[in-house]
PDB file of all heavy atoms in Angstrom:
ATOM      1  N   ASP A   1      24.996  76.553 -42.071  1.00  0.00           N
ATOM      2  CA  ASP A   1      24.513  76.506 -40.696  1.00  0.00           C
ATOM      3  C   ASP A   1      24.219  77.903 -40.192  1.00  0.00           C
ATOM      4  O   ASP A   1      25.070  78.797 -40.303  1.00  0.00           O
ATOM      5  CB  ASP A   1      25.564  75.885 -39.775  1.00  0.00           C
ATOM      6  CG  ASP A   1      25.736  74.404 -39.990  1.00  0.00           C
ATOM      7  OD1 ASP A   1      24.811  73.761 -40.479  1.00  0.00           O
ATOM      8  OD2 ASP A   1      26.822  73.903 -39.655  1.00  0.00           O
ATOM      9  N   LEU A   2      23.053  78.066 -39.610  1.00  0.00           N
ATOM     10  CA  LEU A   2      22.716  79.313 -38.936  1.00  0.00           C
ATOM     11  C   LEU A   2      23.560  79.381 -37.669  1.00  0.00           C
ATOM     12  O   LEU A   2      23.464  78.509 -36.808  1.00  0.00           O
ATOM     13  CB  LEU A   2      21.224  79.336 -38.587  1.00  0.00           C
ATOM     14  CG  LEU A   2      20.716  80.533 -37.802  1.00  0.00           C
ATOM     15  CD1 LEU A   2      20.881  81.814 -38.609  1.00  0.00           C
ATOM     16  CD2 LEU A   2      19.255  80.325 -37.427  1.00  0.00           C
ATOM     17  N   VAL A   3      24.419  80.400 -37.563  1.00  0.00           N
ATOM     18  CA  VAL A   3      25.335  80.485 -36.427  1.00  0.00           C
ATOM     19  C   VAL A   3      25.081  81.694 -35.533  1.00  0.00           C
ATOM     20  O   VAL A   3      25.717  81.827 -34.496  1.00  0.00           O
ATOM     21  CB  VAL A   3      26.814  80.486 -36.881  1.00  0.00           C
ATOM     22  CG1 VAL A   3      27.167  79.165 -37.528  1.00  0.00           C
ATOM     23  CG2 VAL A   3      27.122  81.646 -37.787  1.00  0.00           C
ATOM     24  N   GLY A   4      24.184  82.564 -35.919  1.00  0.00           N
ATOM     25  CA  GLY A   4      23.901  83.732 -35.102  1.00  0.00           C
ATOM     26  C   GLY A   4      23.136  84.770 -35.891  1.00  0.00           C
ATOM     27  O   GLY A   4      22.656  84.505 -36.996  1.00  0.00           O
ATOM     28  N   PHE A   5      23.028  85.944 -35.296  1.00  0.00           N
ATOM     29  CA  PHE A   5      22.292  87.045 -35.904  1.00  0.00           C
ATOM     30  C   PHE A   5      23.108  88.326 -35.778  1.00  0.00           C
ATOM     31  O   PHE A   5      23.881  88.488 -34.840  1.00  0.00           O
ATOM     32  CB  PHE A   5      20.931  87.233 -35.217  1.00  0.00           C
ATOM     33  CG  PHE A   5      19.994  86.094 -35.428  1.00  0.00           C
ATOM     34  CD1 PHE A   5      20.044  84.981 -34.603  1.00  0.00           C
ATOM     35  CD2 PHE A   5      19.080  86.113 -36.460  1.00  0.00           C
ATOM     36  CE1 PHE A   5      19.186  83.912 -34.802  1.00  0.00           C
ATOM     37  CE2 PHE A   5      18.228  85.059 -36.669  1.00  0.00           C
ATOM     38  CZ  PHE A   5      18.275  83.948 -35.836  1.00  0.00           C
ATOM     39  N   THR A   6      22.906  89.230 -36.732  1.00  0.00           N
ATOM     40  CA  THR A   6      23.535  90.539 -36.655  1.00  0.00           C
ATOM     41  C   THR A   6      22.829  91.346 -35.569  1.00  0.00           C
ATOM     42  O   THR A   6      21.803  90.916 -35.038  1.00  0.00           O
ATOM     43  CB  THR A   6      23.436  91.281 -37.998  1.00  0.00           C
ATOM     44  OG1 THR A   6      22.049  91.478 -38.314  1.00  0.00           O
ATOM     45  CG2 THR A   6      24.126  90.510 -39.112  1.00  0.00           C
ATOM     46  N   THR A   7      23.349  92.512 -35.261  1.00  0.00           N
ATOM     47  CA  THR A   7      22.734  93.346 -34.234  1.00  0.00           C
ATOM     48  C   THR A   7      21.315  93.765 -34.619  1.00  0.00           C
ATOM     49  O   THR A   7      20.498  94.026 -33.746  1.00  0.00           O
ATOM     50  CB  THR A   7      23.578  94.606 -33.965  1.00  0.00           C
ATOM     51  OG1 THR A   7      23.794  95.294 -35.197  1.00  0.00           O
ATOM     52  CG2 THR A   7      24.905  94.234 -33.342  1.00  0.00           C
ATOM     53  N   ASP A   8      21.018  93.804 -35.927  1.00  0.00           N
ATOM     54  CA  ASP A   8      19.655  94.139 -36.351  1.00  0.00           C
ATOM     55  C   ASP A   8      18.843  92.883 -36.686  1.00  0.00           C
ATOM     56  O   ASP A   8      17.889  92.927 -37.443  1.00  0.00           O
ATOM     57  CB  ASP A   8      19.656  95.138 -37.514  1.00  0.00           C
ATOM     58  CG  ASP A   8      20.421  94.651 -38.725  1.00  0.00           C
ATOM     59  OD1 ASP A   8      21.118  93.626 -38.629  1.00  0.00           O
ATOM     60  OD2 ASP A   8      20.318  95.299 -39.776  1.00  0.00           O
ATOM     61  N   ARG A   9      19.245  91.733 -36.098  1.00  0.00           N
ATOM     62  CA  ARG A   9      18.508  90.459 -36.134  1.00  0.00           C
ATOM     63  C   ARG A   9      18.452  89.793 -37.506  1.00  0.00           C
ATOM     64  O   ARG A   9      17.557  89.017 -37.788  1.00  0.00           O
ATOM     65  CB  ARG A   9      17.095  90.630 -35.581  1.00  0.00           C
ATOM     66  CG  ARG A   9      17.020  91.152 -34.164  1.00  0.00           C
ATOM     67  CD  ARG A   9      17.623  90.262 -33.118  1.00  0.00           C
ATOM     68  NE  ARG A   9      16.960  88.958 -33.084  1.00  0.00           N
ATOM     69  CZ  ARG A   9      17.532  87.849 -32.635  1.00  0.00           C
ATOM     70  NH1 ARG A   9      18.754  87.870 -32.209  1.00  0.00           N
ATOM     71  NH2 ARG A   9      16.877  86.713 -32.630  1.00  0.00           N
ATOM     72  N   LYS A  10      19.443  90.048 -38.358  1.00  0.00           N
ATOM     73  CA  LYS A  10      19.520  89.331 -39.629  1.00  0.00           C
ATOM     74  C   LYS A  10      20.325  88.059 -39.404  1.00  0.00           C
ATOM     75  O   LYS A  10      21.377  88.083 -38.766  1.00  0.00           O
ATOM     76  CB  LYS A  10      20.176  90.196 -40.707  1.00  0.00           C
ATOM     77  CG  LYS A  10      19.329  91.386 -41.083  1.00  0.00           C
ATOM     78  CD  LYS A  10      20.004  92.223 -42.132  1.00  0.00           C
ATOM     79  CE  LYS A  10      19.133  93.439 -42.427  1.00  0.00           C
ATOM     80  NZ  LYS A  10      19.815  94.385 -43.291  1.00  0.00           N
ATOM     81  N   PRO A  11      19.851  86.931 -39.923  1.00  0.00           N
ATOM     82  CA  PRO A  11      20.559  85.675 -39.693  1.00  0.00           C
ATOM     83  C   PRO A  11      21.902  85.627 -40.401  1.00  0.00           C
ATOM     84  O   PRO A  11      22.070  86.206 -41.473  1.00  0.00           O
ATOM     85  CB  PRO A  11      19.602  84.621 -40.256  1.00  0.00           C
ATOM     86  CG  PRO A  11      18.718  85.349 -41.198  1.00  0.00           C
ATOM     87  CD  PRO A  11      18.639  86.760 -40.720  1.00  0.00           C
ATOM     88  N   ARG A  12      22.863  84.928 -39.782  1.00  0.00           N
ATOM     89  CA  ARG A  12      24.214  84.751 -40.344  1.00  0.00           C
ATOM     90  C   ARG A  12      24.494  83.250 -40.445  1.00  0.00           C
ATOM     91  O   ARG A  12      24.156  82.487 -39.551  1.00  0.00           O
ATOM     92  CB  ARG A  12      25.263  85.397 -39.450  1.00  0.00           C
ATOM     93  CG  ARG A  12      25.054  86.874 -39.199  1.00  0.00           C
ATOM     94  CD  ARG A  12      25.607  87.726 -40.263  1.00  0.00           C
ATOM     95  NE  ARG A  12      27.064  87.711 -40.146  1.00  0.00           N
ATOM     96  CZ  ARG A  12      27.867  88.255 -41.022  1.00  0.00           C
ATOM     97  NH1 ARG A  12      27.380  88.848 -42.079  1.00  0.00           N
ATOM     98  NH2 ARG A  12      29.162  88.216 -40.866  1.00  0.00           N
ATOM     99  N   TYR A  13      25.139  82.870 -41.530  1.00  0.00           N
ATOM    100  CA  TYR A  13      25.408  81.467 -41.812  1.00  0.00           C
ATOM    101  C   TYR A  13      26.891  81.257 -42.097  1.00  0.00           C
ATOM    102  O   TYR A  13      27.540  82.118 -42.655  1.00  0.00           O
ATOM    103  CB  TYR A  13      24.627  81.008 -43.048  1.00  0.00           C
ATOM    104  CG  TYR A  13      23.137  81.116 -42.890  1.00  0.00           C
ATOM    105  CD1 TYR A  13      22.472  82.311 -43.137  1.00  0.00           C
ATOM    106  CD2 TYR A  13      22.393  80.020 -42.484  1.00  0.00           C
ATOM    107  CE1 TYR A  13      21.108  82.415 -42.985  1.00  0.00           C
ATOM    108  CE2 TYR A  13      21.017  80.116 -42.336  1.00  0.00           C
ATOM    109  CZ  TYR A  13      20.385  81.315 -42.581  1.00  0.00           C
ATOM    110  OH  TYR A  13      19.023  81.421 -42.428  1.00  0.00           O
ATOM    111  N   ARG A  14      27.373  80.070 -41.767  1.00  0.00           N
ATOM    112  CA  ARG A  14      28.689  79.642 -42.224  1.00  0.00           C
ATOM    113  C   ARG A  14      28.465  78.591 -43.303  1.00  0.00           C
ATOM    114  O   ARG A  14      27.410  77.951 -43.367  1.00  0.00           O
ATOM    115  CB  ARG A  14      29.530  79.067 -41.090  1.00  0.00           C
ATOM    116  CG  ARG A  14      28.987  77.743 -40.577  1.00  0.00           C
ATOM    117  CD  ARG A  14      29.855  77.157 -39.512  1.00  0.00           C
ATOM    118  NE  ARG A  14      29.196  75.947 -39.003  1.00  0.00           N
ATOM    119  CZ  ARG A  14      29.787  75.047 -38.278  1.00  0.00           C
ATOM    120  NH1 ARG A  14      31.041  75.212 -37.925  1.00  0.00           N
ATOM    121  NH2 ARG A  14      29.133  73.984 -37.862  1.00  0.00           N
ATOM    122  N   CYS A  15      29.449  78.403 -44.154  1.00  0.00           N
ATOM    123  CA  CYS A  15      29.349  77.444 -45.251  1.00  0.00           C
ATOM    124  C   CYS A  15      30.263  76.251 -44.963  1.00  0.00           C
ATOM    125  O   CYS A  15      31.445  76.427 -44.687  1.00  0.00           O
ATOM    126  CB  CYS A  15      29.753  78.109 -46.568  1.00  0.00           C
ATOM    127  SG  CYS A  15      29.693  76.986 -47.973  1.00  0.00           S
ATOM    128  N   ILE A  16      29.682  75.069 -45.049  1.00  0.00           N
ATOM    129  CA  ILE A  16      30.417  73.822 -44.870  1.00  0.00           C
ATOM    130  C   ILE A  16      30.426  73.082 -46.203  1.00  0.00           C
ATOM    131  O   ILE A  16      29.384  72.925 -46.845  1.00  0.00           O
ATOM    132  CB  ILE A  16      29.743  72.915 -43.815  1.00  0.00           C
ATOM    133  CG1 ILE A  16      29.519  73.651 -42.500  1.00  0.00           C
ATOM    134  CG2 ILE A  16      30.525  71.614 -43.625  1.00  0.00           C
ATOM    135  CD1 ILE A  16      30.753  74.050 -41.774  1.00  0.00           C
ATOM    136  N   TYR A  17      31.590  72.654 -46.636  1.00  0.00           N
ATOM    137  CA  TYR A  17      31.729  71.820 -47.828  1.00  0.00           C
ATOM    138  C   TYR A  17      32.067  70.404 -47.379  1.00  0.00           C
ATOM    139  O   TYR A  17      32.964  70.222 -46.551  1.00  0.00           O
ATOM    140  CB  TYR A  17      32.851  72.341 -48.732  1.00  0.00           C
ATOM    141  CG  TYR A  17      32.480  73.583 -49.489  1.00  0.00           C
ATOM    142  CD1 TYR A  17      32.786  74.846 -49.002  1.00  0.00           C
ATOM    143  CD2 TYR A  17      31.822  73.494 -50.709  1.00  0.00           C
ATOM    144  CE1 TYR A  17      32.453  75.987 -49.704  1.00  0.00           C
ATOM    145  CE2 TYR A  17      31.482  74.631 -51.423  1.00  0.00           C
ATOM    146  CZ  TYR A  17      31.799  75.869 -50.911  1.00  0.00           C
ATOM    147  OH  TYR A  17      31.456  76.992 -51.618  1.00  0.00           O
ATOM    148  N   VAL A  18      31.358  69.419 -47.917  1.00  0.00           N
ATOM    149  CA  VAL A  18      31.619  68.021 -47.594  1.00  0.00           C
ATOM    150  C   VAL A  18      31.971  67.299 -48.888  1.00  0.00           C
ATOM    151  O   VAL A  18      31.187  67.309 -49.846  1.00  0.00           O
ATOM    152  CB  VAL A  18      30.401  67.355 -46.925  1.00  0.00           C
ATOM    153  CG1 VAL A  18      30.702  65.900 -46.594  1.00  0.00           C
ATOM    154  CG2 VAL A  18      29.983  68.125 -45.674  1.00  0.00           C
ATOM    155  N   LEU A  19      33.167  66.697 -48.917  1.00  0.00           N
ATOM    156  CA  LEU A  19      33.599  65.965 -50.105  1.00  0.00           C
ATOM    157  C   LEU A  19      32.781  64.685 -50.249  1.00  0.00           C
ATOM    158  O   LEU A  19      32.604  63.941 -49.288  1.00  0.00           O
ATOM    159  CB  LEU A  19      35.081  65.612 -50.016  1.00  0.00           C
ATOM    160  CG  LEU A  19      36.051  66.790 -50.091  1.00  0.00           C
ATOM    161  CD1 LEU A  19      37.477  66.302 -49.896  1.00  0.00           C
ATOM    162  CD2 LEU A  19      35.907  67.502 -51.424  1.00  0.00           C
ATOM    163  N   ASN A  20      32.282  64.433 -51.453  1.00  0.00           N
ATOM    164  CA  ASN A  20      31.481  63.231 -51.704  1.00  0.00           C
ATOM    165  C   ASN A  20      32.291  61.962 -51.491  1.00  0.00           C
ATOM    166  O   ASN A  20      31.789  60.983 -50.944  1.00  0.00           O
ATOM    167  CB  ASN A  20      30.915  63.243 -53.129  1.00  0.00           C
ATOM    168  CG  ASN A  20      29.867  64.317 -53.329  1.00  0.00           C
ATOM    169  OD1 ASN A  20      29.359  64.892 -52.375  1.00  0.00           O
ATOM    170  ND2 ASN A  20      29.562  64.599 -54.570  1.00  0.00           N
ATOM    171  N   GLU A  21      33.548  61.965 -51.940  1.00  0.00           N
ATOM    172  CA  GLU A  21      34.360  60.760 -51.920  1.00  0.00           C
ATOM    173  C   GLU A  21      34.774  60.329 -50.516  1.00  0.00           C
ATOM    174  O   GLU A  21      34.750  59.162 -50.177  1.00  0.00           O
ATOM    175  CB  GLU A  21      35.603  60.969 -52.778  1.00  0.00           C
ATOM    176  CG  GLU A  21      36.368  59.695 -53.070  1.00  0.00           C
ATOM    177  CD  GLU A  21      37.462  59.944 -54.083  1.00  0.00           C
ATOM    178  OE1 GLU A  21      37.130  60.175 -55.259  1.00  0.00           O
ATOM    179  OE2 GLU A  21      38.634  59.895 -53.677  1.00  0.00           O
ATOM    180  N   SER A  22      35.139  61.287 -49.679  1.00  0.00           N
ATOM    181  CA  SER A  22      35.690  60.933 -48.368  1.00  0.00           C
ATOM    182  C   SER A  22      34.808  61.353 -47.198  1.00  0.00           C
ATOM    183  O   SER A  22      35.084  60.977 -46.069  1.00  0.00           O
ATOM    184  CB  SER A  22      37.061  61.594 -48.188  1.00  0.00           C
ATOM    185  OG  SER A  22      36.914  63.002 -48.109  1.00  0.00           O
ATOM    186  N   SER A  23      33.791  62.157 -47.444  1.00  0.00           N
ATOM    187  CA  SER A  23      32.925  62.723 -46.402  1.00  0.00           C
ATOM    188  C   SER A  23      33.663  63.667 -45.464  1.00  0.00           C
ATOM    189  O   SER A  23      33.159  64.007 -44.400  1.00  0.00           O
ATOM    190  CB  SER A  23      32.223  61.628 -45.598  1.00  0.00           C
ATOM    191  OG  SER A  23      31.409  60.865 -46.439  1.00  0.00           O
ATOM    192  N   GLU A  24      34.878  64.102 -45.846  1.00  0.00           N
ATOM    193  CA  GLU A  24      35.601  65.069 -45.034  1.00  0.00           C
ATOM    194  C   GLU A  24      34.903  66.420 -45.150  1.00  0.00           C
ATOM    195  O   GLU A  24      34.514  66.836 -46.237  1.00  0.00           O
ATOM    196  CB  GLU A  24      37.051  65.196 -45.495  1.00  0.00           C
ATOM    197  CG  GLU A  24      37.862  66.125 -44.611  1.00  0.00           C
ATOM    198  CD  GLU A  24      39.331  66.204 -44.992  1.00  0.00           C
ATOM    199  OE1 GLU A  24      39.750  65.529 -45.947  1.00  0.00           O
ATOM    200  OE2 GLU A  24      40.055  66.958 -44.324  1.00  0.00           O
ATOM    201  N   ALA A  25      34.744  67.107 -44.024  1.00  0.00           N
ATOM    202  CA  ALA A  25      34.049  68.389 -43.994  1.00  0.00           C
ATOM    203  C   ALA A  25      35.043  69.536 -43.817  1.00  0.00           C
ATOM    204  O   ALA A  25      36.013  69.423 -43.072  1.00  0.00           O
ATOM    205  CB  ALA A  25      33.027  68.408 -42.864  1.00  0.00           C
ATOM    206  N   PHE A  26      34.771  70.629 -44.522  1.00  0.00           N
ATOM    207  CA  PHE A  26      35.604  71.828 -44.515  1.00  0.00           C
ATOM    208  C   PHE A  26      34.728  73.040 -44.224  1.00  0.00           C
ATOM    209  O   PHE A  26      33.622  73.139 -44.745  1.00  0.00           O
ATOM    210  CB  PHE A  26      36.253  72.053 -45.884  1.00  0.00           C
ATOM    211  CG  PHE A  26      37.191  70.976 -46.312  1.00  0.00           C
ATOM    212  CD1 PHE A  26      36.715  69.779 -46.809  1.00  0.00           C
ATOM    213  CD2 PHE A  26      38.562  71.171 -46.229  1.00  0.00           C
ATOM    214  CE1 PHE A  26      37.587  68.782 -47.214  1.00  0.00           C
ATOM    215  CE2 PHE A  26      39.440  70.176 -46.634  1.00  0.00           C
ATOM    216  CZ  PHE A  26      38.947  68.975 -47.130  1.00  0.00           C
ATOM    217  N   VAL A  27      35.233  73.982 -43.452  1.00  0.00           N
ATOM    218  CA  VAL A  27      34.543  75.247 -43.245  1.00  0.00           C
ATOM    219  C   VAL A  27      35.216  76.290 -44.133  1.00  0.00           C
ATOM    220  O   VAL A  27      36.438  76.317 -44.270  1.00  0.00           O
ATOM    221  CB  VAL A  27      34.537  75.685 -41.758  1.00  0.00           C
ATOM    222  CG1 VAL A  27      35.935  75.969 -41.240  1.00  0.00           C
ATOM    223  CG2 VAL A  27      33.627  76.890 -41.548  1.00  0.00           C
ATOM    224  N   LEU A  28      34.409  77.124 -44.761  1.00  0.00           N
ATOM    225  CA  LEU A  28      34.932  78.168 -45.641  1.00  0.00           C
ATOM    226  C   LEU A  28      35.500  79.311 -44.801  1.00  0.00           C
ATOM    227  O   LEU A  28      34.818  79.839 -43.914  1.00  0.00           O
ATOM    228  CB  LEU A  28      33.823  78.691 -46.552  1.00  0.00           C
ATOM    229  CG  LEU A  28      34.252  79.705 -47.604  1.00  0.00           C
ATOM    230  CD1 LEU A  28      35.211  79.071 -48.613  1.00  0.00           C
ATOM    231  CD2 LEU A  28      33.021  80.254 -48.324  1.00  0.00           C
ATOM    232  N   VAL A  29      36.757  79.651 -45.088  1.00  0.00           N
ATOM    233  CA  VAL A  29      37.426  80.744 -44.375  1.00  0.00           C
ATOM    234  C   VAL A  29      37.859  81.805 -45.377  1.00  0.00           C
ATOM    235  O   VAL A  29      37.887  81.568 -46.586  1.00  0.00           O
ATOM    236  CB  VAL A  29      38.646  80.248 -43.559  1.00  0.00           C
ATOM    237  CG1 VAL A  29      38.210  79.302 -42.451  1.00  0.00           C
ATOM    238  CG2 VAL A  29      39.689  79.604 -44.448  1.00  0.00           C
ATOM    239  N   THR A  30      38.218  82.964 -44.868  1.00  0.00           N
ATOM    240  CA  THR A  30      38.674  84.051 -45.716  1.00  0.00           C
ATOM    241  C   THR A  30      39.974  83.688 -46.417  1.00  0.00           C
ATOM    242  O   THR A  30      40.767  82.903 -45.901  1.00  0.00           O
ATOM    243  CB  THR A  30      38.888  85.338 -44.897  1.00  0.00           C
ATOM    244  OG1 THR A  30      39.824  85.058 -43.852  1.00  0.00           O
ATOM    245  CG2 THR A  30      37.583  85.842 -44.299  1.00  0.00           C
ATOM    246  N   THR A  31      40.180  84.272 -47.587  1.00  0.00           N
ATOM    247  CA  THR A  31      41.395  84.021 -48.355  1.00  0.00           C
ATOM    248  C   THR A  31      42.580  84.745 -47.741  1.00  0.00           C
ATOM    249  O   THR A  31      43.669  84.193 -47.631  1.00  0.00           O
ATOM    250  CB  THR A  31      41.202  84.465 -49.815  1.00  0.00           C
ATOM    251  OG1 THR A  31      40.107  83.719 -50.361  1.00  0.00           O
ATOM    252  CG2 THR A  31      42.437  84.226 -50.644  1.00  0.00           C
TER     253      THR A  31
END
């Protein structure tokens, strides 16, 4: 998902994982 832009107008995205079996959605976070 496009969630915003950097100060120099480069697009930023978050990553969503959706499990095929349950359709549960997860957002990728830092380790």
